[in-house]
């Protein structure tokens, strides 16, 4: 049985994936595609994996009513001359932030453009913008509330893009993102399954099971087919539904 069923519980979001893994490879298992991924394909695989991991951390540690998205921008005359200087500015920012907001949770990513613009993007616990301005002191601070039904996959995608943009402008600069040490990790459960779990009956059973638990299937999240490595692949995502005044389930996929 060469397939794995992975259930990731991250806050209000449950993601279920079924995929092949070489750790449990079996003789005679047939691939439908290429034998070895190209560099470009492997890069795409790595980017998706990084986005999943980052979204899982975000969804586990924040909700729409506990977190916010912050962009720290340099004034033109305060831009750091080198990436190392920017790192010093970030360390100073975090030192002041941790002192002003004890036990603050955050994840940040740097964005350096080819034309010289520098930004720090951060998802973090809600706090007073005046505190952030005082801690930063290098330019401007923009704050936006989280408003994504407790699912921050889109923000994770943007963070990964910012990281790639910085890499293109300056060369590889270490981690894609930088988290505080006090973040909780999502609960990930894995078990070995056979190819029968890809059948339509099994798929419908999974959807029904989570809908009965008060979750709803996220529109467009259900993906199935053959992976770049040539094996069957399936993914679906559920969010915990909210209730209106009458007790009916509501969510932002409703139109």
C-alpha atoms as a PDB file:
ATOM      1  CA  UNK A   1       0.000   0.000   0.000  1.00  0.00           C
ATOM      2  CA  UNK A   2       2.123   2.893  -1.250  1.00  0.00           C
ATOM      3  CA  UNK A   3      -0.193   5.807  -0.458  1.00  0.00           C
ATOM      4  CA  UNK A   4      -0.522   8.074   2.569  1.00  0.00           C
ATOM      5  CA  UNK A   5      -3.641   9.771   3.876  1.00  0.00           C
ATOM      6  CA  UNK A   6      -2.671  12.961   5.692  1.00  0.00           C
ATOM      7  CA  UNK A   7      -5.117  14.902   7.864  1.00  0.00           C
ATOM      8  CA  UNK A   8      -3.932  18.342   8.975  1.00  0.00           C
ATOM      9  CA  UNK A   9      -6.016  20.107  11.632  1.00  0.00           C
ATOM     10  CA  UNK A  10      -5.009  23.765  11.800  1.00  0.00           C
ATOM     11  CA  UNK A  11      -7.376  25.929  13.796  1.00  0.00           C
ATOM     12  CA  UNK A  12     -10.731  26.030  12.003  1.00  0.00           C
ATOM     13  CA  UNK A  13      -9.305  24.393   8.877  1.00  0.00           C
ATOM     14  CA  UNK A  14      -8.950  20.697   8.087  1.00  0.00           C
ATOM     15  CA  UNK A  15      -6.973  19.675   5.011  1.00  0.00           C
ATOM     16  CA  UNK A  16      -6.999  16.091   3.779  1.00  0.00           C
ATOM     17  CA  UNK A  17      -4.425  14.851   1.296  1.00  0.00           C
ATOM     18  CA  UNK A  18      -3.850  11.445  -0.255  1.00  0.00           C
ATOM     19  CA  UNK A  19      -0.574  11.032  -2.067  1.00  0.00           C
ATOM     20  CA  UNK A  20       2.212   8.640  -2.933  1.00  0.00           C
ATOM     21  CA  UNK A  21       5.437   8.720  -0.973  1.00  0.00           C
ATOM     22  CA  UNK A  22       8.717   6.971  -1.692  1.00  0.00           C
ATOM     23  CA  UNK A  23       9.010   6.089   1.991  1.00  0.00           C
ATOM     24  CA  UNK A  24       6.412   3.397   1.466  1.00  0.00           C
ATOM     25  CA  UNK A  25       7.157   2.480  -2.128  1.00  0.00           C
ATOM     26  CA  UNK A  26       5.942  -0.920  -3.289  1.00  0.00           C
ATOM     27  CA  UNK A  27       7.231  -3.062  -6.116  1.00  0.00           C
ATOM     28  CA  UNK A  28       5.098  -2.988  -9.194  1.00  0.00           C
ATOM     29  CA  UNK A  29       3.483   0.380  -8.443  1.00  0.00           C
ATOM     30  CA  UNK A  30       2.698   2.007 -11.761  1.00  0.00           C
ATOM     31  CA  UNK A  31       3.429   5.628 -12.515  1.00  0.00           C
ATOM     32  CA  UNK A  32       1.323   7.534 -15.003  1.00  0.00           C
ATOM     33  CA  UNK A  33       3.911  10.170 -15.896  1.00  0.00           C
ATOM     34  CA  UNK A  34       7.576  11.118 -15.832  1.00  0.00           C
ATOM     35  CA  UNK A  35      10.122   9.160 -13.829  1.00  0.00           C
ATOM     36  CA  UNK A  36      12.022  12.139 -12.443  1.00  0.00           C
ATOM     37  CA  UNK A  37      10.829  15.712 -11.950  1.00  0.00           C
ATOM     38  CA  UNK A  38      12.655  18.534 -13.700  1.00  0.00           C
ATOM     39  CA  UNK A  39      14.204  21.358 -11.684  1.00  0.00           C
ATOM     40  CA  UNK A  40      11.261  23.609 -12.536  1.00  0.00           C
ATOM     41  CA  UNK A  41       8.732  20.980 -11.475  1.00  0.00           C
ATOM     42  CA  UNK A  42      10.609  20.278  -8.238  1.00  0.00           C
ATOM     43  CA  UNK A  43      10.642  24.005  -7.498  1.00  0.00           C
ATOM     44  CA  UNK A  44       6.859  24.116  -7.916  1.00  0.00           C
ATOM     45  CA  UNK A  45       6.471  21.098  -5.612  1.00  0.00           C
ATOM     46  CA  UNK A  46       8.663  22.755  -2.978  1.00  0.00           C
ATOM     47  CA  UNK A  47       6.720  26.019  -3.217  1.00  0.00           C
ATOM     48  CA  UNK A  48       3.388  24.265  -2.665  1.00  0.00           C
ATOM     49  CA  UNK A  49       4.806  22.354   0.303  1.00  0.00           C
ATOM     50  CA  UNK A  50       6.151  25.580   1.832  1.00  0.00           C
ATOM     51  CA  UNK A  51       2.805  27.314   1.339  1.00  0.00           C
ATOM     52  CA  UNK A  52       0.928  24.440   3.009  1.00  0.00           C
ATOM     53  CA  UNK A  53       3.280  24.461   5.982  1.00  0.00           C
ATOM     54  CA  UNK A  54       3.085  28.232   6.404  1.00  0.00           C
ATOM     55  CA  UNK A  55      -0.710  28.318   6.048  1.00  0.00           C
ATOM     56  CA  UNK A  56      -0.963  25.567   8.664  1.00  0.00           C
ATOM     57  CA  UNK A  57       1.042  27.631  11.147  1.00  0.00           C
ATOM     58  CA  UNK A  58      -1.023  30.745  10.467  1.00  0.00           C
ATOM     59  CA  UNK A  59      -4.354  28.942  10.749  1.00  0.00           C
ATOM     60  CA  UNK A  60      -3.300  27.269  13.997  1.00  0.00           C
ATOM     61  CA  UNK A  61      -2.163  30.432  15.744  1.00  0.00           C
ATOM     62  CA  UNK A  62      -4.598  33.124  14.644  1.00  0.00           C
ATOM     63  CA  UNK A  63      -8.264  33.784  14.004  1.00  0.00           C
ATOM     64  CA  UNK A  64      -9.927  36.766  12.410  1.00  0.00           C
ATOM     65  CA  UNK A  65     -10.541  38.235  15.869  1.00  0.00           C
ATOM     66  CA  UNK A  66      -7.052  37.634  17.301  1.00  0.00           C
ATOM     67  CA  UNK A  67      -4.600  38.582  14.560  1.00  0.00           C
ATOM     68  CA  UNK A  68      -3.726  41.256  12.049  1.00  0.00           C
ATOM     69  CA  UNK A  69      -1.552  41.765   8.983  1.00  0.00           C
ATOM     70  CA  UNK A  70       1.144  44.424   9.274  1.00  0.00           C
ATOM     71  CA  UNK A  71       3.433  45.946   6.651  1.00  0.00           C
ATOM     72  CA  UNK A  72       6.460  47.889   7.833  1.00  0.00           C
ATOM     73  CA  UNK A  73       7.745  50.220   5.111  1.00  0.00           C
ATOM     74  CA  UNK A  74      10.950  52.231   4.996  1.00  0.00           C
ATOM     75  CA  UNK A  75      10.927  55.935   4.305  1.00  0.00           C
ATOM     76  CA  UNK A  76      12.996  56.557   1.180  1.00  0.00           C
ATOM     77  CA  UNK A  77      15.875  58.143   3.106  1.00  0.00           C
ATOM     78  CA  UNK A  78      15.886  55.317   5.677  1.00  0.00           C
ATOM     79  CA  UNK A  79      16.289  52.338   3.349  1.00  0.00           C
ATOM     80  CA  UNK A  80      19.077  49.986   4.451  1.00  0.00           C
ATOM     81  CA  UNK A  81      22.083  49.870   2.105  1.00  0.00           C
ATOM     82  CA  UNK A  82      22.433  46.068   2.355  1.00  0.00           C
ATOM     83  CA  UNK A  83      20.302  43.030   3.295  1.00  0.00           C
ATOM     84  CA  UNK A  84      22.465  42.628   6.412  1.00  0.00           C
ATOM     85  CA  UNK A  85      21.526  46.136   7.510  1.00  0.00           C
ATOM     86  CA  UNK A  86      17.876  45.259   7.010  1.00  0.00           C
ATOM     87  CA  UNK A  87      18.359  42.208   9.219  1.00  0.00           C
ATOM     88  CA  UNK A  88      19.742  44.473  11.952  1.00  0.00           C
ATOM     89  CA  UNK A  89      16.661  46.698  11.662  1.00  0.00           C
ATOM     90  CA  UNK A  90      14.397  43.657  11.962  1.00  0.00           C
ATOM     91  CA  UNK A  91      16.216  42.385  15.046  1.00  0.00           C
ATOM     92  CA  UNK A  92      15.834  45.802  16.671  1.00  0.00           C
ATOM     93  CA  UNK A  93      12.135  45.884  15.748  1.00  0.00           C
ATOM     94  CA  UNK A  94      11.509  42.447  17.253  1.00  0.00           C
ATOM     95  CA  UNK A  95      13.459  43.264  20.404  1.00  0.00           C
ATOM     96  CA  UNK A  96      11.302  46.337  21.019  1.00  0.00           C
ATOM     97  CA  UNK A  97       8.123  44.511  20.021  1.00  0.00           C
ATOM     98  CA  UNK A  98       8.702  41.610  22.413  1.00  0.00           C
ATOM     99  CA  UNK A  99       9.375  44.074  25.213  1.00  0.00           C
ATOM    100  CA  UNK A 100       6.247  46.132  24.472  1.00  0.00           C
ATOM    101  CA  UNK A 101       3.980  43.104  23.872  1.00  0.00           C
ATOM    102  CA  UNK A 102       5.135  40.150  26.023  1.00  0.00           C
ATOM    103  CA  UNK A 103       4.592  36.685  24.468  1.00  0.00           C
ATOM    104  CA  UNK A 104       3.609  38.234  21.135  1.00  0.00           C
ATOM    105  CA  UNK A 105       3.272  35.708  18.308  1.00  0.00           C
ATOM    106  CA  UNK A 106       4.314  36.569  14.779  1.00  0.00           C
ATOM    107  CA  UNK A 107       5.563  35.352  11.426  1.00  0.00           C
ATOM    108  CA  UNK A 108       7.347  37.760   9.118  1.00  0.00           C
ATOM    109  CA  UNK A 109       8.886  37.770   5.673  1.00  0.00           C
ATOM    110  CA  UNK A 110      11.137  40.296   3.971  1.00  0.00           C
ATOM    111  CA  UNK A 111      10.341  41.862   0.617  1.00  0.00           C
ATOM    112  CA  UNK A 112      13.149  43.532  -1.317  1.00  0.00           C
ATOM    113  CA  UNK A 113      12.359  44.710  -4.821  1.00  0.00           C
ATOM    114  CA  UNK A 114      14.814  45.045  -7.696  1.00  0.00           C
ATOM    115  CA  UNK A 115      14.220  48.820  -7.691  1.00  0.00           C
ATOM    116  CA  UNK A 116      15.208  49.129  -4.043  1.00  0.00           C
ATOM    117  CA  UNK A 117      11.934  49.164  -2.115  1.00  0.00           C
ATOM    118  CA  UNK A 118      12.098  47.346   1.242  1.00  0.00           C
ATOM    119  CA  UNK A 119       9.155  45.993   3.239  1.00  0.00           C
ATOM    120  CA  UNK A 120       8.566  43.666   6.171  1.00  0.00           C
ATOM    121  CA  UNK A 121       5.279  41.763   6.077  1.00  0.00           C
ATOM    122  CA  UNK A 122       4.085  40.297   9.362  1.00  0.00           C
ATOM    123  CA  UNK A 123       1.071  38.395  10.625  1.00  0.00           C
ATOM    124  CA  UNK A 124       0.843  38.872  14.379  1.00  0.00           C
ATOM    125  CA  UNK A 125      -1.333  39.208  17.457  1.00  0.00           C
ATOM    126  CA  UNK A 126      -3.602  42.243  17.591  1.00  0.00           C
ATOM    127  CA  UNK A 127      -2.040  45.244  19.291  1.00  0.00           C
ATOM    128  CA  UNK A 128      -2.150  49.045  19.186  1.00  0.00           C
ATOM    129  CA  UNK A 129      -0.736  50.517  15.969  1.00  0.00           C
ATOM    130  CA  UNK A 130       0.916  53.268  17.998  1.00  0.00           C
ATOM    131  CA  UNK A 131       3.045  50.611  19.689  1.00  0.00           C
ATOM    132  CA  UNK A 132       4.121  49.315  16.280  1.00  0.00           C
ATOM    133  CA  UNK A 133       5.011  52.786  15.037  1.00  0.00           C
ATOM    134  CA  UNK A 134       7.119  53.406  18.118  1.00  0.00           C
ATOM    135  CA  UNK A 135       8.893  50.049  17.754  1.00  0.00           C
ATOM    136  CA  UNK A 136       9.577  50.552  14.045  1.00  0.00           C
ATOM    137  CA  UNK A 137      10.625  54.175  13.649  1.00  0.00           C
ATOM    138  CA  UNK A 138      12.018  53.706  10.127  1.00  0.00           C
ATOM    139  CA  UNK A 139       9.026  54.775   8.097  1.00  0.00           C
ATOM    140  CA  UNK A 140       5.396  53.759   7.815  1.00  0.00           C
ATOM    141  CA  UNK A 141       3.241  51.055   9.383  1.00  0.00           C
ATOM    142  CA  UNK A 142       0.133  49.731   7.644  1.00  0.00           C
ATOM    143  CA  UNK A 143      -2.279  47.482   9.548  1.00  0.00           C
ATOM    144  CA  UNK A 144      -5.100  45.389   8.111  1.00  0.00           C
ATOM    145  CA  UNK A 145      -7.496  43.136  10.035  1.00  0.00           C
ATOM    146  CA  UNK A 146      -7.655  39.433   9.269  1.00  0.00           C
ATOM    147  CA  UNK A 147     -10.899  38.713   7.436  1.00  0.00           C
ATOM    148  CA  UNK A 148     -10.611  35.319   5.740  1.00  0.00           C
ATOM    149  CA  UNK A 149     -12.940  33.034   7.694  1.00  0.00           C
ATOM    150  CA  UNK A 150      -9.922  31.951   9.778  1.00  0.00           C
ATOM    151  CA  UNK A 151      -8.133  30.564   6.709  1.00  0.00           C
ATOM    152  CA  UNK A 152      -4.935  32.390   5.769  1.00  0.00           C
ATOM    153  CA  UNK A 153      -3.778  30.332   2.810  1.00  0.00           C
ATOM    154  CA  UNK A 154      -3.897  33.391   0.559  1.00  0.00           C
ATOM    155  CA  UNK A 155      -1.668  35.336   2.956  1.00  0.00           C
ATOM    156  CA  UNK A 156       0.751  32.396   3.050  1.00  0.00           C
ATOM    157  CA  UNK A 157       0.872  32.422  -0.756  1.00  0.00           C
ATOM    158  CA  UNK A 158       1.740  36.117  -0.746  1.00  0.00           C
ATOM    159  CA  UNK A 159       4.436  35.601   1.885  1.00  0.00           C
ATOM    160  CA  UNK A 160       6.068  32.913  -0.254  1.00  0.00           C
ATOM    161  CA  UNK A 161       5.921  35.234  -3.283  1.00  0.00           C
ATOM    162  CA  UNK A 162       7.579  38.018  -1.285  1.00  0.00           C
ATOM    163  CA  UNK A 163      10.321  35.599  -0.269  1.00  0.00           C
ATOM    164  CA  UNK A 164      10.868  34.578  -3.899  1.00  0.00           C
ATOM    165  CA  UNK A 165      10.950  38.239  -4.944  1.00  0.00           C
ATOM    166  CA  UNK A 166      13.627  38.942  -2.346  1.00  0.00           C
ATOM    167  CA  UNK A 167      15.639  35.927  -3.466  1.00  0.00           C
ATOM    168  CA  UNK A 168      15.490  37.097  -7.086  1.00  0.00           C
ATOM    169  CA  UNK A 169      16.667  40.578  -6.086  1.00  0.00           C
ATOM    170  CA  UNK A 170      19.417  39.688  -3.621  1.00  0.00           C
ATOM    171  CA  UNK A 171      20.196  35.993  -3.932  1.00  0.00           C
ATOM    172  CA  UNK A 172      19.195  33.259  -1.483  1.00  0.00           C
ATOM    173  CA  UNK A 173      18.679  34.795   1.946  1.00  0.00           C
ATOM    174  CA  UNK A 174      18.035  31.893   4.310  1.00  0.00           C
ATOM    175  CA  UNK A 175      14.551  31.019   5.534  1.00  0.00           C
ATOM    176  CA  UNK A 176      11.490  31.702   3.408  1.00  0.00           C
ATOM    177  CA  UNK A 177       9.779  33.082   6.510  1.00  0.00           C
ATOM    178  CA  UNK A 178      10.679  33.693  10.142  1.00  0.00           C
ATOM    179  CA  UNK A 179       8.370  32.668  13.024  1.00  0.00           C
ATOM    180  CA  UNK A 180       8.408  33.501  16.702  1.00  0.00           C
ATOM    181  CA  UNK A 181       9.348  30.563  18.918  1.00  0.00           C
ATOM    182  CA  UNK A 182       6.038  30.392  20.763  1.00  0.00           C
ATOM    183  CA  UNK A 183       3.853  29.282  17.864  1.00  0.00           C
ATOM    184  CA  UNK A 184       1.679  26.201  18.177  1.00  0.00           C
ATOM    185  CA  UNK A 185       1.973  23.583  15.462  1.00  0.00           C
ATOM    186  CA  UNK A 186      -0.966  22.089  13.573  1.00  0.00           C
ATOM    187  CA  UNK A 187      -1.984  18.524  14.352  1.00  0.00           C
ATOM    188  CA  UNK A 188      -0.948  16.232  11.496  1.00  0.00           C
ATOM    189  CA  UNK A 189      -2.113  12.608  11.348  1.00  0.00           C
ATOM    190  CA  UNK A 190      -0.773  10.213   8.717  1.00  0.00           C
ATOM    191  CA  UNK A 191      -1.698   6.658   7.896  1.00  0.00           C
ATOM    192  CA  UNK A 192      -1.004   4.231   5.081  1.00  0.00           C
ATOM    193  CA  UNK A 193      -3.911   3.602   2.698  1.00  0.00           C
ATOM    194  CA  UNK A 194      -4.430   1.815  -0.586  1.00  0.00           C
ATOM    195  CA  UNK A 195      -5.456   3.136  -3.984  1.00  0.00           C
ATOM    196  CA  UNK A 196      -9.144   2.381  -3.282  1.00  0.00           C
ATOM    197  CA  UNK A 197      -9.330   5.539  -1.152  1.00  0.00           C
ATOM    198  CA  UNK A 198      -9.241   7.544  -4.392  1.00  0.00           C
ATOM    199  CA  UNK A 199     -12.595   6.112  -5.479  1.00  0.00           C
ATOM    200  CA  UNK A 200     -15.586   8.444  -5.733  1.00  0.00           C
ATOM    201  CA  UNK A 201     -17.382   6.554  -2.951  1.00  0.00           C
ATOM    202  CA  UNK A 202     -14.535   7.229  -0.515  1.00  0.00           C
ATOM    203  CA  UNK A 203     -14.412  10.881  -1.561  1.00  0.00           C
ATOM    204  CA  UNK A 204     -18.132  11.399  -0.925  1.00  0.00           C
ATOM    205  CA  UNK A 205     -17.860   9.603   2.409  1.00  0.00           C
ATOM    206  CA  UNK A 206     -15.095  11.978   3.532  1.00  0.00           C
ATOM    207  CA  UNK A 207     -17.103  15.060   2.557  1.00  0.00           C
ATOM    208  CA  UNK A 208     -20.221  13.788   4.311  1.00  0.00           C
ATOM    209  CA  UNK A 209     -18.237  12.946   7.457  1.00  0.00           C
ATOM    210  CA  UNK A 210     -16.875  16.469   7.885  1.00  0.00           C
ATOM    211  CA  UNK A 211     -20.095  18.202   6.908  1.00  0.00           C
ATOM    212  CA  UNK A 212     -21.806  16.231   9.682  1.00  0.00           C
ATOM    213  CA  UNK A 213     -19.183  17.621  12.083  1.00  0.00           C
ATOM    214  CA  UNK A 214     -20.100  21.208  11.210  1.00  0.00           C
ATOM    215  CA  UNK A 215     -17.471  21.856   8.544  1.00  0.00           C
ATOM    216  CA  UNK A 216     -18.072  22.980   4.978  1.00  0.00           C
ATOM    217  CA  UNK A 217     -16.110  22.110   1.867  1.00  0.00           C
ATOM    218  CA  UNK A 218     -14.105  25.118   0.664  1.00  0.00           C
ATOM    219  CA  UNK A 219     -15.122  25.954  -2.884  1.00  0.00           C
ATOM    220  CA  UNK A 220     -12.378  25.092  -5.368  1.00  0.00           C
ATOM    221  CA  UNK A 221     -10.245  23.244  -2.813  1.00  0.00           C
ATOM    222  CA  UNK A 222     -10.975  19.745  -4.084  1.00  0.00           C
ATOM    223  CA  UNK A 223      -8.163  18.678  -6.411  1.00  0.00           C
ATOM    224  CA  UNK A 224      -7.526  15.236  -7.861  1.00  0.00           C
ATOM    225  CA  UNK A 225      -5.460  13.769 -10.645  1.00  0.00           C
ATOM    226  CA  UNK A 226      -1.906  12.694 -11.328  1.00  0.00           C
ATOM    227  CA  UNK A 227       0.983  14.434  -9.581  1.00  0.00           C
ATOM    228  CA  UNK A 228       4.144  15.670 -11.295  1.00  0.00           C
ATOM    229  CA  UNK A 229       5.794  12.446 -10.134  1.00  0.00           C
ATOM    230  CA  UNK A 230       3.212  10.368 -11.964  1.00  0.00           C
ATOM    231  CA  UNK A 231       1.090   9.072  -9.070  1.00  0.00           C
ATOM    232  CA  UNK A 232      -2.506   9.597  -7.995  1.00  0.00           C
ATOM    233  CA  UNK A 233      -3.136  12.648  -5.855  1.00  0.00           C
ATOM    234  CA  UNK A 234      -6.133  14.055  -3.998  1.00  0.00           C
ATOM    235  CA  UNK A 235      -6.642  17.067  -1.741  1.00  0.00           C
ATOM    236  CA  UNK A 236      -9.673  18.699  -0.141  1.00  0.00           C
ATOM    237  CA  UNK A 237     -10.107  21.408   2.475  1.00  0.00           C
ATOM    238  CA  UNK A 238     -12.844  22.052   5.035  1.00  0.00           C
ATOM    239  CA  UNK A 239     -13.502  25.038   7.281  1.00  0.00           C
ATOM    240  CA  UNK A 240     -15.467  25.103  10.501  1.00  0.00           C
ATOM    241  CA  UNK A 241     -18.801  26.732   9.735  1.00  0.00           C
ATOM    242  CA  UNK A 242     -20.220  29.687  11.629  1.00  0.00           C
ATOM    243  CA  UNK A 243     -23.860  30.034  12.629  1.00  0.00           C
ATOM    244  CA  UNK A 244     -26.227  32.945  12.116  1.00  0.00           C
ATOM    245  CA  UNK A 245     -28.833  34.185  14.618  1.00  0.00           C
ATOM    246  CA  UNK A 246     -31.174  31.354  13.594  1.00  0.00           C
ATOM    247  CA  UNK A 247     -28.530  28.681  14.082  1.00  0.00           C
ATOM    248  CA  UNK A 248     -27.947  28.115  10.359  1.00  0.00           C
ATOM    249  CA  UNK A 249     -24.438  27.485   9.093  1.00  0.00           C
ATOM    250  CA  UNK A 250     -22.921  30.443   7.234  1.00  0.00           C
ATOM    251  CA  UNK A 251     -19.586  30.910   5.536  1.00  0.00           C
ATOM    252  CA  UNK A 252     -17.900  33.215   3.061  1.00  0.00           C
ATOM    253  CA  UNK A 253     -18.282  30.822   0.164  1.00  0.00           C
ATOM    254  CA  UNK A 254     -22.012  31.547   0.236  1.00  0.00           C
ATOM    255  CA  UNK A 255     -23.206  33.965  -2.429  1.00  0.00           C
END
